[in-house]
Amino acid sequence: MYSLDLRKLKAFIEDSVHKQEWFAQQIGLTGKMFTNMLSGKIKLEVEAYSKLCVLLQVSHGEFITEINDKESVIGRMISTG
């Protein structure tokens, strides 16, 4: 199973010379929507992720991590309480 590492993506964006608002505008989103995507409140759509990777000049696999089934089960248990 694979997962998007939002913390790594957000840190990468914060370390860039551009602000989040700039990235949001470049991929056609509002600043609020972009912030919500980076915080995991709403899903980051594949198209937006692809555009971000192009803007950041990284491969599309840069922020994708493989998780094993045990980690997946633990994550679901924590998120569902």
C-alpha atoms as a PDB file:
ATOM      1  CA  MET A   1       0.000   0.000   0.000  1.00  0.00           C
ATOM      2  CA  TYR A   2       1.217   3.506  -0.761  1.00  0.00           C
ATOM      3  CA  SER A   3       0.589   6.800   0.968  1.00  0.00           C
ATOM      4  CA  LEU A   4       1.243  10.452   0.250  1.00  0.00           C
ATOM      5  CA  ASP A   5       3.611  11.946   2.826  1.00  0.00           C
ATOM      6  CA  LEU A   6       1.893  15.291   3.372  1.00  0.00           C
ATOM      7  CA  ARG A   7       4.383  16.346   6.062  1.00  0.00           C
ATOM      8  CA  LYS A   8       7.283  15.910   3.664  1.00  0.00           C
ATOM      9  CA  LEU A   9       5.411  17.726   0.881  1.00  0.00           C
ATOM     10  CA  LYS A  10       4.458  20.615   3.160  1.00  0.00           C
ATOM     11  CA  ALA A  11       8.035  20.949   4.470  1.00  0.00           C
ATOM     12  CA  PHE A  12       9.362  20.946   0.909  1.00  0.00           C
ATOM     13  CA  ILE A  13       6.940  23.712  -0.053  1.00  0.00           C
ATOM     14  CA  GLU A  14       7.761  25.746   3.068  1.00  0.00           C
ATOM     15  CA  ASP A  15      11.475  25.506   2.229  1.00  0.00           C
ATOM     16  CA  SER A  16      10.932  26.858  -1.280  1.00  0.00           C
ATOM     17  CA  VAL A  17      11.275  30.500  -2.248  1.00  0.00           C
ATOM     18  CA  HIS A  18       7.537  30.759  -2.967  1.00  0.00           C
ATOM     19  CA  LYS A  19       4.666  31.025  -0.526  1.00  0.00           C
ATOM     20  CA  GLN A  20       1.782  28.561  -0.354  1.00  0.00           C
ATOM     21  CA  GLU A  21      -0.504  31.143  -1.946  1.00  0.00           C
ATOM     22  CA  TRP A  22       1.721  31.223  -5.036  1.00  0.00           C
ATOM     23  CA  PHE A  23       1.588  27.438  -5.380  1.00  0.00           C
ATOM     24  CA  ALA A  24      -2.182  27.499  -4.935  1.00  0.00           C
ATOM     25  CA  GLN A  25      -2.576  30.051  -7.727  1.00  0.00           C
ATOM     26  CA  GLN A  26      -0.280  28.106 -10.049  1.00  0.00           C
ATOM     27  CA  ILE A  27      -2.360  24.946  -9.754  1.00  0.00           C
ATOM     28  CA  GLY A  28      -5.717  26.747  -9.878  1.00  0.00           C
ATOM     29  CA  LEU A  29      -6.772  26.506  -6.239  1.00  0.00           C
ATOM     30  CA  THR A  30      -7.652  29.011  -3.562  1.00  0.00           C
ATOM     31  CA  GLY A  31      -5.171  29.487  -0.743  1.00  0.00           C
ATOM     32  CA  LYS A  32      -7.660  28.029   1.740  1.00  0.00           C
ATOM     33  CA  MET A  33      -8.256  24.917  -0.354  1.00  0.00           C
ATOM     34  CA  PHE A  34      -4.515  24.402  -0.809  1.00  0.00           C
ATOM     35  CA  THR A  35      -3.886  24.769   2.931  1.00  0.00           C
ATOM     36  CA  ASN A  36      -6.652  22.255   3.657  1.00  0.00           C
ATOM     37  CA  MET A  37      -5.107  19.801   1.202  1.00  0.00           C
ATOM     38  CA  LEU A  38      -1.661  20.120   2.778  1.00  0.00           C
ATOM     39  CA  SER A  39      -3.108  19.593   6.238  1.00  0.00           C
ATOM     40  CA  GLY A  40      -5.068  16.527   5.117  1.00  0.00           C
ATOM     41  CA  LYS A  41      -8.492  18.064   5.760  1.00  0.00           C
ATOM     42  CA  ILE A  42      -9.456  17.433   2.145  1.00  0.00           C
ATOM     43  CA  LYS A  43      -7.930  15.045  -0.363  1.00  0.00           C
ATOM     44  CA  LEU A  44      -5.149  16.235  -2.597  1.00  0.00           C
ATOM     45  CA  GLU A  45      -6.369  15.431  -6.097  1.00  0.00           C
ATOM     46  CA  VAL A  46      -3.995  13.610  -8.449  1.00  0.00           C
ATOM     47  CA  GLU A  47      -4.038  16.458 -10.969  1.00  0.00           C
ATOM     48  CA  ALA A  48      -3.092  19.024  -8.305  1.00  0.00           C
ATOM     49  CA  TYR A  49      -0.352  16.717  -6.993  1.00  0.00           C
ATOM     50  CA  SER A  50       1.031  16.262 -10.495  1.00  0.00           C
ATOM     51  CA  LYS A  51       1.121  20.019 -11.081  1.00  0.00           C
ATOM     52  CA  LEU A  52       2.867  20.532  -7.729  1.00  0.00           C
ATOM     53  CA  CYS A  53       5.563  18.018  -8.609  1.00  0.00           C
ATOM     54  CA  VAL A  54       6.188  19.834 -11.887  1.00  0.00           C
ATOM     55  CA  LEU A  55       6.388  23.208 -10.107  1.00  0.00           C
ATOM     56  CA  LEU A  56       8.715  21.777  -7.457  1.00  0.00           C
ATOM     57  CA  GLN A  57      10.781  20.054 -10.173  1.00  0.00           C
ATOM     58  CA  VAL A  58      10.651  16.661  -8.462  1.00  0.00           C
ATOM     59  CA  SER A  59       9.571  13.218  -9.607  1.00  0.00           C
ATOM     60  CA  HIS A  60       5.971  12.223  -8.982  1.00  0.00           C
ATOM     61  CA  GLY A  61       7.204   9.561  -6.567  1.00  0.00           C
ATOM     62  CA  GLU A  62       9.097  12.036  -4.361  1.00  0.00           C
ATOM     63  CA  PHE A  63       6.401  12.226  -1.668  1.00  0.00           C
ATOM     64  CA  ILE A  64       4.944   8.730  -2.041  1.00  0.00           C
ATOM     65  CA  THR A  65       5.879   6.216   0.636  1.00  0.00           C
ATOM     66  CA  GLU A  66       5.179   2.528   0.873  1.00  0.00           C
ATOM     67  CA  ILE A  67       3.501   1.398   4.063  1.00  0.00           C
ATOM     68  CA  ASN A  68       2.994  -2.163   5.172  1.00  0.00           C
ATOM     69  CA  ASP A  69      -0.343  -3.638   6.199  1.00  0.00           C
ATOM     70  CA  LYS A  70       0.454  -3.415   9.931  1.00  0.00           C
ATOM     71  CA  GLU A  71       1.150   0.333   9.713  1.00  0.00           C
ATOM     72  CA  SER A  72      -2.032   0.770   7.700  1.00  0.00           C
ATOM     73  CA  VAL A  73      -4.149  -0.993  10.326  1.00  0.00           C
ATOM     74  CA  ILE A  74      -2.560   1.018  13.157  1.00  0.00           C
ATOM     75  CA  GLY A  75      -3.146   4.256  11.239  1.00  0.00           C
ATOM     76  CA  ARG A  76      -6.822   3.420  10.738  1.00  0.00           C
ATOM     77  CA  MET A  77      -7.198   2.535  14.419  1.00  0.00           C
ATOM     78  CA  ILE A  78      -5.678   5.838  15.502  1.00  0.00           C
ATOM     79  CA  SER A  79      -7.719   7.927  13.068  1.00  0.00           C
ATOM     80  CA  THR A  80     -11.025   6.272  13.936  1.00  0.00           C
ATOM     81  CA  GLY A  81     -10.467   6.348  17.691  1.00  0.00           C
END
